[in-house]
């Protein structure tokens, strides 16, 4: 149906695309038009980013893993290091933001502060950092650990880690660089400050070895759904990638997150809900595309993947039965809360059997899947946006680049016509795209005190 323009004129919809190599659906690489080597081909990522920029999207986003955590006998994995790929994307584009994932569990704050400050300089103010903790055992073993650190400890470390990174970004005052050739004065060293951090997890002297990033801070993004994750987001995140299956659930999450942020004296956090789109000229065509993609995924692959999300032995899952009733958080609460809850919510809400659940999730792990025409996709997006369930969406097209092209050419013009999405970029930085202020450097006030 045709819906009237949104009444929420003070708000503007935000759209990112998560470049999940060949696409969200595990079988996307098997499509006739797909390149199986796309997952390690930088030209593929650049091509997707250019399509996204043509659609005036806010940013491209890259996830990351520090180990092989999927079944590589069947599908491609997240392989290339995000910031290297994003630097290539930044060089090939002019406007679109570049958001990369880096774990606080197996990195050091100085390295990450430097890496994302560099990306912000290289992109001229378009960088964002997705802050994650890492909860899988293969990653732990790759860094000399025999077990995954406790959930609370991971988030305590993440909070201190993020504080140190932000302090390092602020260690140069905005006007510390002088570059006066006549005076032979390059940097005002009095405006470059050691941070002298001494904490439970980190001991970092500083200062950073490059000037303050163009945005002040690259945009800080977070994706935790657990209470610890929400608290980290409330303290530090400016945008959150969420996974919700209903308007009501997402709206409640958004309200609670903003209440938590307000308790820290912070303005609202942008909630960008995960959304997979499968688009067809008709609804029947879109459903057929989904079913064909799902049928190309081996059922044993899907069962093992679902079992991993739920933290159960695969033998407990039966395709034509419902999920077990006694499911608990994986690893005694030490696993991924977000995808566990989102997957369980989808199954319980609709009474799905395991086979129906896998089909509804298009072989995925918890993100919402919408199947339909461009008009139906636009209706769904506007319903969530007008219902204040989300400030925007982290798009995960079924297959790349074609699924994104279908969205840009079919859905974006409808959203623009309804007045909820930009017709053109109005700024040059990711902060401007998202309507976020540039952080004031506290060093300025310390220097004047």
Protein backbone atom coordinates (compact mmCIF):
# COMPACT_ATOMS: atom_id res chain seq x y z
CA UNK A 1 0.00 0.00 0.00
CA UNK A 2 1.04 3.61 -0.48
CA UNK A 3 1.72 5.27 2.84
CA UNK A 4 1.71 9.04 3.43
CA UNK A 5 4.95 10.87 4.14
CA UNK A 6 6.19 10.34 7.67
CA UNK A 7 5.02 12.87 10.24
CA UNK A 8 8.34 12.55 12.05
CA UNK A 9 9.80 15.46 10.08
CA UNK A 10 12.42 16.22 12.74
CA UNK A 11 13.99 12.80 12.24
CA UNK A 12 15.73 11.35 9.23
CA UNK A 13 16.17 7.67 8.53
CA UNK A 14 19.69 6.24 8.59
CA UNK A 15 20.79 3.33 6.43
CA UNK A 16 24.05 1.37 6.46
CA UNK A 17 24.97 -1.73 4.54
CA UNK A 18 26.78 -4.59 6.22
CA UNK A 19 29.06 -6.04 3.52
CA UNK A 20 28.86 -9.70 4.49
CA UNK A 21 31.12 -10.91 1.66
CA UNK A 22 28.73 -12.51 -0.89
CA UNK A 23 25.61 -11.63 1.08
CA UNK A 24 23.63 -12.50 4.20
CA UNK A 25 22.21 -15.82 2.98
CA UNK A 26 24.87 -18.55 3.31
CA UNK A 27 24.22 -19.82 -0.23
CA UNK A 28 24.58 -16.40 -1.91
CA UNK A 29 28.02 -17.31 -3.28
CA UNK A 30 26.41 -20.12 -5.31
CA UNK A 31 24.27 -17.78 -7.42
CA UNK A 32 25.14 -17.72 -11.11
CA UNK A 33 26.18 -14.06 -11.02
CA UNK A 34 28.25 -14.41 -7.81
CA UNK A 35 32.05 -14.63 -7.60
CA UNK A 36 33.12 -17.24 -5.02
CA UNK A 37 36.35 -15.27 -4.44
CA UNK A 38 34.49 -12.07 -3.56
CA UNK A 39 35.25 -12.56 0.14
CA UNK A 40 38.94 -11.78 -0.50
CA UNK A 41 38.53 -9.39 -3.45
CA UNK A 42 38.80 -5.73 -2.47
CA UNK A 43 37.16 -4.72 -5.77
CA UNK A 44 33.99 -6.49 -4.63
CA UNK A 45 33.85 -4.41 -1.45
CA UNK A 46 34.57 -1.20 -3.34
CA UNK A 47 31.83 -2.00 -5.85
CA UNK A 48 29.27 -2.56 -3.08
CA UNK A 49 30.34 0.70 -1.41
CA UNK A 50 29.90 2.64 -4.64
CA UNK A 51 26.37 1.26 -5.05
CA UNK A 52 25.63 2.26 -1.45
CA UNK A 53 27.01 5.75 -2.07
CA UNK A 54 24.85 6.11 -5.19
CA UNK A 55 21.88 5.36 -2.90
CA UNK A 56 23.04 8.05 -0.42
CA UNK A 57 23.44 5.52 2.40
CA UNK A 58 25.14 6.68 5.59
CA UNK A 59 27.90 4.08 5.76
CA UNK A 60 29.25 0.69 4.88
CA UNK A 61 30.03 -1.63 7.76
CA UNK A 62 32.43 -4.55 8.08
CA UNK A 63 32.16 -7.20 10.76
CA UNK A 64 35.21 -9.17 11.88
CA UNK A 65 36.35 -12.39 13.51
CA UNK A 66 39.69 -13.34 14.96
CA UNK A 67 39.29 -17.01 14.04
CA UNK A 68 37.50 -19.35 11.67
CA UNK A 69 34.11 -19.57 13.38
CA UNK A 70 31.95 -20.77 10.49
CA UNK A 71 31.83 -23.91 8.42
CA UNK A 72 34.29 -23.14 5.63
CA UNK A 73 33.50 -26.38 3.83
CA UNK A 74 30.30 -24.67 2.67
CA UNK A 75 30.42 -20.87 2.80
CA UNK A 76 32.84 -17.93 2.65
CA UNK A 77 33.86 -16.26 5.89
CA UNK A 78 34.86 -12.83 7.13
CA UNK A 79 38.50 -12.94 6.12
CA UNK A 80 40.03 -9.55 5.24
CA UNK A 81 41.02 -7.16 8.02
CA UNK A 82 38.33 -4.43 8.08
CA UNK A 83 40.33 -1.22 8.36
CA UNK A 84 42.58 -2.13 5.44
CA UNK A 85 39.52 -2.77 3.24
CA UNK A 86 37.81 0.38 4.50
CA UNK A 87 40.85 2.50 3.65
CA UNK A 88 40.58 1.18 0.08
CA UNK A 89 36.86 1.99 0.06
CA UNK A 90 37.54 5.49 1.38
CA UNK A 91 40.01 6.11 -1.43
CA UNK A 92 37.41 5.05 -4.02
CA UNK A 93 34.45 7.05 -2.63
CA UNK A 94 33.72 10.61 -1.53
CA UNK A 95 30.82 10.64 0.92
CA UNK A 96 29.89 7.30 2.43
CA UNK A 97 30.99 6.48 5.96
CA UNK A 98 33.31 3.53 6.71
CA UNK A 99 32.64 1.61 9.94
CA UNK A 100 34.88 -1.27 11.00
CA UNK A 101 34.82 -3.78 13.82
CA UNK A 102 37.69 -4.21 16.25
CA UNK A 103 37.54 -6.36 19.38
CA UNK A 104 38.51 -5.06 22.80
CA UNK A 105 39.28 -8.62 23.91
CA UNK A 106 42.32 -9.27 21.72
CA UNK A 107 43.72 -5.84 20.89
CA UNK A 108 45.39 -3.00 22.81
CA UNK A 109 43.86 0.49 23.11
CA UNK A 110 46.83 2.32 21.60
CA UNK A 111 46.78 0.21 18.43
CA UNK A 112 43.04 0.65 17.94
CA UNK A 113 43.12 4.38 18.70
CA UNK A 114 45.88 4.84 16.14
CA UNK A 115 44.24 2.57 13.54
CA UNK A 116 40.88 4.34 13.59
CA UNK A 117 42.38 7.82 13.89
CA UNK A 118 44.36 6.95 10.76
CA UNK A 119 41.20 5.74 9.00
CA UNK A 120 39.46 8.99 9.96
CA UNK A 121 42.32 11.05 8.51
CA UNK A 122 42.51 8.90 5.37
CA UNK A 123 38.75 9.16 4.79
CA UNK A 124 38.63 12.86 5.77
CA UNK A 125 36.21 12.29 8.61
CA UNK A 126 34.13 9.30 7.60
CA UNK A 127 35.32 6.60 10.03
CA UNK A 128 33.50 4.67 12.73
CA UNK A 129 34.60 2.00 15.20
CA UNK A 130 32.30 -0.88 16.10
CA UNK A 131 33.29 -1.90 19.63
CA UNK A 132 32.86 -5.62 20.32
CA UNK A 133 33.95 -8.15 22.88
CA UNK A 134 34.80 -11.60 21.56
CA UNK A 135 33.04 -14.63 23.01
CA UNK A 136 34.14 -17.62 20.93
CA UNK A 137 36.66 -20.23 22.02
CA UNK A 138 38.58 -20.44 18.69
CA UNK A 139 39.49 -16.75 18.99
CA UNK A 140 40.58 -17.21 22.60
CA UNK A 141 42.86 -20.06 21.56
CA UNK A 142 44.38 -17.92 18.80
CA UNK A 143 45.56 -15.52 21.50
CA UNK A 144 46.98 -18.05 23.91
CA UNK A 145 43.92 -18.60 26.09
CA UNK A 146 42.33 -21.92 26.93
CA UNK A 147 38.92 -20.44 27.79
CA UNK A 148 36.77 -17.46 26.89
CA UNK A 149 37.06 -14.68 29.49
CA UNK A 150 34.03 -14.22 31.72
CA UNK A 151 31.22 -12.09 30.27
CA UNK A 152 31.40 -9.41 32.99
CA UNK A 153 35.20 -9.27 32.75
CA UNK A 154 35.04 -8.84 28.97
CA UNK A 155 32.72 -5.87 29.29
CA UNK A 156 34.66 -4.33 32.15
CA UNK A 157 37.76 -4.50 29.96
CA UNK A 158 35.79 -3.09 27.01
CA UNK A 159 34.62 -0.09 29.03
CA UNK A 160 38.15 0.79 30.15
CA UNK A 161 39.50 0.06 26.67
CA UNK A 162 37.05 2.51 25.09
CA UNK A 163 37.82 5.19 27.68
CA UNK A 164 41.52 4.90 26.88
CA UNK A 165 40.93 5.04 23.12
CA UNK A 166 38.85 8.20 23.44
CA UNK A 167 41.44 9.79 25.72
CA UNK A 168 44.14 9.05 23.13
CA UNK A 169 42.03 10.65 20.39
CA UNK A 170 41.84 13.72 22.62
CA UNK A 171 45.54 13.76 23.48
CA UNK A 172 46.20 16.34 20.76
CA UNK A 173 44.32 19.61 21.03
CA UNK A 174 42.61 20.60 17.81
CA UNK A 175 45.09 23.40 17.09
CA UNK A 176 48.25 21.58 18.21
CA UNK A 177 49.51 21.32 14.65
CA UNK A 178 51.08 24.60 13.54
CA UNK A 179 53.05 23.93 10.36
CA UNK A 180 54.50 27.45 10.22
CA UNK A 181 57.34 27.34 7.68
CA UNK A 182 58.55 30.89 8.31
CA UNK A 183 58.89 30.32 12.06
CA UNK A 184 60.12 26.76 11.70
CA UNK A 185 57.39 25.72 14.13
CA UNK A 186 55.73 22.40 13.33
CA UNK A 187 53.69 21.38 16.41
CA UNK A 188 52.86 23.24 19.60
CA UNK A 189 54.14 20.55 21.95
CA UNK A 190 52.37 22.18 24.90
CA UNK A 191 49.11 21.13 23.29
CA UNK A 192 50.04 17.44 23.01
CA UNK A 193 49.19 15.69 26.27
CA UNK A 194 50.20 12.34 27.75
CA UNK A 195 47.05 10.66 29.04
CA UNK A 196 48.85 8.87 31.88
CA UNK A 197 46.20 6.17 32.20
CA UNK A 198 46.56 3.67 35.03
CA UNK A 199 43.70 1.22 35.28
CA UNK A 200 42.81 -2.35 36.15
CA UNK A 201 43.39 -3.63 32.64
CA UNK A 202 45.62 -1.04 30.94
CA UNK A 203 48.63 1.15 31.62
CA UNK A 204 48.96 3.66 28.76
CA UNK A 205 51.13 6.75 28.83
CA UNK A 206 50.32 8.38 25.46
CA UNK A 207 50.01 10.76 23.72
CA UNK A 208 48.87 9.36 20.38
CA UNK A 209 51.44 9.80 17.63
CA UNK A 210 49.15 11.60 15.20
CA UNK A 211 46.86 14.65 15.42
CA UNK A 212 43.29 14.52 16.63
CA UNK A 213 40.98 12.86 14.08
CA UNK A 214 38.96 15.15 11.77
CA UNK A 215 35.73 14.13 13.52
CA UNK A 216 37.29 14.58 16.95
CA UNK A 217 36.37 10.97 17.58
CA UNK A 218 35.51 8.46 14.88
CA UNK A 219 31.88 7.53 15.51
CA UNK A 220 31.68 4.90 18.27
CA UNK A 221 29.28 2.04 17.49
CA UNK A 222 28.39 -0.94 19.65
CA UNK A 223 26.26 -4.06 19.23
CA UNK A 224 25.63 -5.63 22.64
CA UNK A 225 22.18 -6.81 23.72
CA UNK A 226 23.05 -8.11 27.18
CA UNK A 227 22.70 -5.88 30.26
CA UNK A 228 26.49 -5.41 30.28
CA UNK A 229 26.40 -4.60 26.57
CA UNK A 230 23.62 -2.06 27.00
CA UNK A 231 25.53 -0.39 29.80
CA UNK A 232 28.64 -0.13 27.62
CA UNK A 233 26.53 1.35 24.82
CA UNK A 234 24.89 3.84 27.19
CA UNK A 235 28.31 5.05 28.38
CA UNK A 236 30.12 5.24 25.06
CA UNK A 237 28.15 4.38 21.91
CA UNK A 238 26.72 6.94 19.54
CA UNK A 239 24.98 4.31 17.45
CA UNK A 240 24.03 0.71 18.20
CA UNK A 241 23.53 -2.20 15.83
CA UNK A 242 20.59 -4.14 17.29
CA UNK A 243 18.81 -7.40 16.51
CA UNK A 244 15.07 -7.37 17.21
CA UNK A 245 12.18 -9.30 15.69
CA UNK A 246 9.26 -6.95 16.46
CA UNK A 247 8.43 -3.26 16.61
CA UNK A 248 7.43 -3.58 20.27
CA UNK A 249 10.65 -5.32 21.28
CA UNK A 250 12.85 -2.86 19.41
CA UNK A 251 10.97 0.20 20.68
CA UNK A 252 11.35 -1.01 24.26
CA UNK A 253 15.06 -1.63 23.68
CA UNK A 254 15.49 1.85 22.20
CA UNK A 255 13.68 3.52 25.14
CA UNK A 256 15.70 1.64 27.73
CA UNK A 257 19.00 2.35 25.98
CA UNK A 258 18.27 6.06 25.81
CA UNK A 259 17.25 6.10 29.48
CA UNK A 260 20.56 4.49 30.37
CA UNK A 261 22.42 7.04 28.23
CA UNK A 262 20.55 9.93 29.86
CA UNK A 263 21.72 8.70 33.27
CA UNK A 264 25.27 9.37 32.03
CA UNK A 265 24.24 12.83 30.82
CA UNK A 266 24.40 11.73 27.19
CA UNK A 267 22.07 12.48 24.31
CA UNK A 268 20.13 9.73 22.56
CA UNK A 269 21.90 6.81 20.91
CA UNK A 270 20.99 5.97 17.31
CA UNK A 271 19.48 2.48 17.14
CA UNK A 272 20.12 0.80 13.80
CA UNK A 273 18.26 -2.50 13.61
CA UNK A 274 19.61 -5.38 11.57
CA UNK A 275 17.48 -6.01 8.49
CA UNK A 276 17.87 -8.58 5.75
CA UNK A 277 15.98 -7.83 2.54
CA UNK A 278 14.96 -10.25 -0.19
CA UNK A 279 13.35 -8.25 -2.98
CA UNK A 280 11.26 -9.28 -5.97
CA UNK A 281 9.04 -7.57 -8.53
CA UNK A 282 6.13 -9.35 -6.81
CA UNK A 283 5.81 -10.89 -3.38
CA UNK A 284 5.58 -14.34 -4.95
CA UNK A 285 8.82 -13.75 -6.82
CA UNK A 286 10.57 -12.60 -3.63
CA UNK A 287 9.34 -15.64 -1.68
CA UNK A 288 10.50 -17.91 -4.47
CA UNK A 289 13.94 -16.28 -4.37
CA UNK A 290 14.15 -16.83 -0.61
CA UNK A 291 13.11 -20.46 -0.89
CA UNK A 292 15.56 -21.14 -3.70
CA UNK A 293 18.39 -19.61 -1.69
CA UNK A 294 17.48 -21.58 1.44
CA UNK A 295 17.17 -24.83 -0.49
CA UNK A 296 20.78 -24.40 -1.66
CA UNK A 297 21.99 -24.48 1.95
CA UNK A 298 22.68 -28.01 3.24
CA UNK A 299 20.33 -28.71 6.12
CA UNK A 300 23.12 -30.13 8.22
CA UNK A 301 25.00 -26.84 7.82
CA UNK A 302 21.94 -24.87 8.96
CA UNK A 303 21.38 -27.18 11.92
CA UNK A 304 24.98 -26.85 13.11
CA UNK A 305 24.84 -23.08 12.73
CA UNK A 306 21.58 -22.82 14.64
CA UNK A 307 22.91 -25.12 17.34
CA UNK A 308 25.93 -22.85 17.71
CA UNK A 309 23.72 -19.78 18.11
CA UNK A 310 21.58 -21.49 20.74
CA UNK A 311 24.50 -23.14 22.50
CA UNK A 312 23.12 -26.69 22.27
CA UNK A 313 24.26 -29.97 20.83
CA UNK A 314 23.08 -30.33 17.25
CA UNK A 315 21.48 -33.67 18.15
CA UNK A 316 18.87 -31.77 20.19
CA UNK A 317 17.50 -30.05 17.08
CA UNK A 318 15.07 -31.84 14.78
CA UNK A 319 13.93 -30.22 11.56
CA UNK A 320 10.23 -30.91 11.97
CA UNK A 321 10.01 -30.31 15.70
CA UNK A 322 9.98 -27.09 17.68
CA UNK A 323 12.96 -25.87 19.66
CA UNK A 324 13.53 -27.50 23.06
CA UNK A 325 11.72 -25.77 25.92
CA UNK A 326 14.67 -25.64 28.31
CA UNK A 327 17.06 -23.44 26.32
CA UNK A 328 19.37 -21.24 28.39
CA UNK A 329 21.99 -18.65 27.46
CA UNK A 330 25.00 -20.28 25.78
CA UNK A 331 28.00 -20.98 27.98
CA UNK A 332 26.11 -20.21 31.17
CA UNK A 333 25.62 -16.63 30.00
CA UNK A 334 29.11 -16.27 28.54
CA UNK A 335 28.00 -16.56 24.90
CA UNK A 336 26.31 -14.21 22.43
CA UNK A 337 23.18 -12.86 24.15
CA UNK A 338 21.92 -10.81 21.19
CA UNK A 339 21.54 -13.53 18.57
CA UNK A 340 20.38 -16.10 21.12
CA UNK A 341 17.46 -13.91 22.21
CA UNK A 342 16.59 -12.74 18.68
CA UNK A 343 16.55 -16.29 17.31
CA UNK A 344 14.51 -17.60 20.23
CA UNK A 345 12.05 -14.70 19.93
CA UNK A 346 11.43 -15.48 16.26
CA UNK A 347 10.82 -19.17 17.01
CA UNK A 348 8.55 -18.64 20.01
CA UNK A 349 6.54 -15.78 18.48
CA UNK A 350 5.55 -17.80 15.42
CA UNK A 351 5.65 -21.33 16.82
CA UNK A 352 8.15 -22.36 14.18
CA UNK A 353 9.56 -25.81 13.78
CA UNK A 354 13.33 -25.84 13.30
CA UNK A 355 12.88 -26.16 9.54
CA UNK A 356 10.45 -23.21 9.48
CA UNK A 357 12.77 -21.17 11.69
CA UNK A 358 15.73 -21.73 9.37
CA UNK A 359 13.58 -20.72 6.41
CA UNK A 360 12.22 -17.62 8.20
CA UNK A 361 15.77 -16.54 9.07
CA UNK A 362 16.94 -17.33 5.50
CA UNK A 363 19.61 -19.57 6.96
CA UNK A 364 20.81 -16.78 9.26
CA UNK A 365 21.24 -16.29 12.97
CA UNK A 366 18.71 -13.91 14.48
CA UNK A 367 18.41 -10.87 12.25
CA UNK A 368 14.98 -10.00 10.91
CA UNK A 369 14.29 -10.98 7.30
CA UNK A 370 11.74 -9.10 5.18
CA UNK A 371 10.69 -10.64 1.88
CA UNK A 372 8.66 -8.67 -0.65
CA UNK A 373 8.41 -5.95 -3.24
CA UNK A 374 10.21 -2.61 -2.92
CA UNK A 375 6.92 -1.05 -1.77
CA UNK A 376 6.47 -3.70 0.92
CA UNK A 377 10.05 -3.29 2.11
CA UNK A 378 9.58 0.50 2.28
CA UNK A 379 6.32 0.06 4.21
CA UNK A 380 8.05 -2.14 6.75
CA UNK A 381 10.94 0.28 7.19
CA UNK A 382 8.60 3.24 7.64
CA UNK A 383 6.44 1.33 10.13
CA UNK A 384 9.48 0.71 12.33
CA UNK A 385 10.77 4.25 11.86
CA UNK A 386 7.47 6.00 12.58
CA UNK A 387 6.89 3.66 15.51
CA UNK A 388 10.24 4.82 16.97
CA UNK A 389 11.44 1.23 17.05
CA UNK A 390 14.61 2.25 15.20
CA UNK A 391 16.43 5.33 13.93
CA UNK A 392 17.51 3.37 10.92
CA UNK A 393 18.74 0.01 9.72
CA UNK A 394 21.92 -1.94 9.22
CA UNK A 395 21.03 -3.57 5.91
CA UNK A 396 22.16 -7.09 5.08
CA UNK A 397 20.95 -7.85 1.54
CA UNK A 398 20.42 -11.49 0.67
CA UNK A 399 23.18 -11.40 -1.97
CA UNK A 400 25.80 -8.85 -2.92
CA UNK A 401 26.07 -6.73 -4.93
CA UNK A 402 22.73 -7.49 -6.65
CA UNK A 403 20.55 -7.43 -3.53
CA UNK A 404 21.87 -4.01 -2.58
CA UNK A 405 21.35 -2.71 -6.12
CA UNK A 406 17.73 -3.88 -5.93
CA UNK A 407 17.33 -1.95 -2.68
CA UNK A 408 19.00 1.21 -3.95
CA UNK A 409 17.07 1.26 -7.21
CA UNK A 410 13.73 0.04 -5.82
CA UNK A 411 13.35 0.95 -2.14
CA UNK A 412 15.43 4.12 -1.72
CA UNK A 413 13.38 6.22 -4.21
CA UNK A 414 10.19 5.31 -2.30
CA UNK A 415 11.72 6.36 1.03
CA UNK A 416 12.94 9.60 -0.56
CA UNK A 417 9.51 10.32 -2.01
CA UNK A 418 7.97 9.82 1.43
CA UNK A 419 10.39 12.37 2.84
CA UNK A 420 12.11 10.20 5.43
CA UNK A 421 15.42 9.60 3.66
CA UNK A 422 17.86 12.09 2.19
CA UNK A 423 17.85 12.93 -1.50
CA UNK A 424 21.54 13.84 -1.30
CA UNK A 425 24.34 14.07 1.21
CA UNK A 426 24.19 17.26 3.27
CA UNK A 427 27.60 16.96 4.91
CA UNK A 428 31.01 15.44 4.38
CA UNK A 429 31.58 13.43 7.58
CA UNK A 430 29.92 10.36 9.06
CA UNK A 431 28.95 12.46 12.08
CA UNK A 432 27.12 14.86 9.79
CA UNK A 433 25.36 11.98 8.04
CA UNK A 434 24.15 10.67 11.43
CA UNK A 435 23.32 14.09 12.90
CA UNK A 436 25.97 13.76 15.62
CA UNK A 437 27.95 16.62 17.12
CA UNK A 438 31.73 16.72 16.97
CA UNK A 439 33.03 16.02 20.52
CA UNK A 440 34.63 18.95 22.29
CA UNK A 441 38.19 18.11 23.31
CA UNK A 442 38.41 18.24 27.12
CA UNK A 443 42.13 19.01 26.81
CA UNK A 444 41.11 22.51 25.71
CA UNK A 445 39.48 23.11 29.07
CA UNK A 446 42.29 21.51 31.06
CA UNK A 447 44.79 23.74 29.32
CA UNK A 448 42.80 26.83 30.32
CA UNK A 449 42.15 25.72 33.89
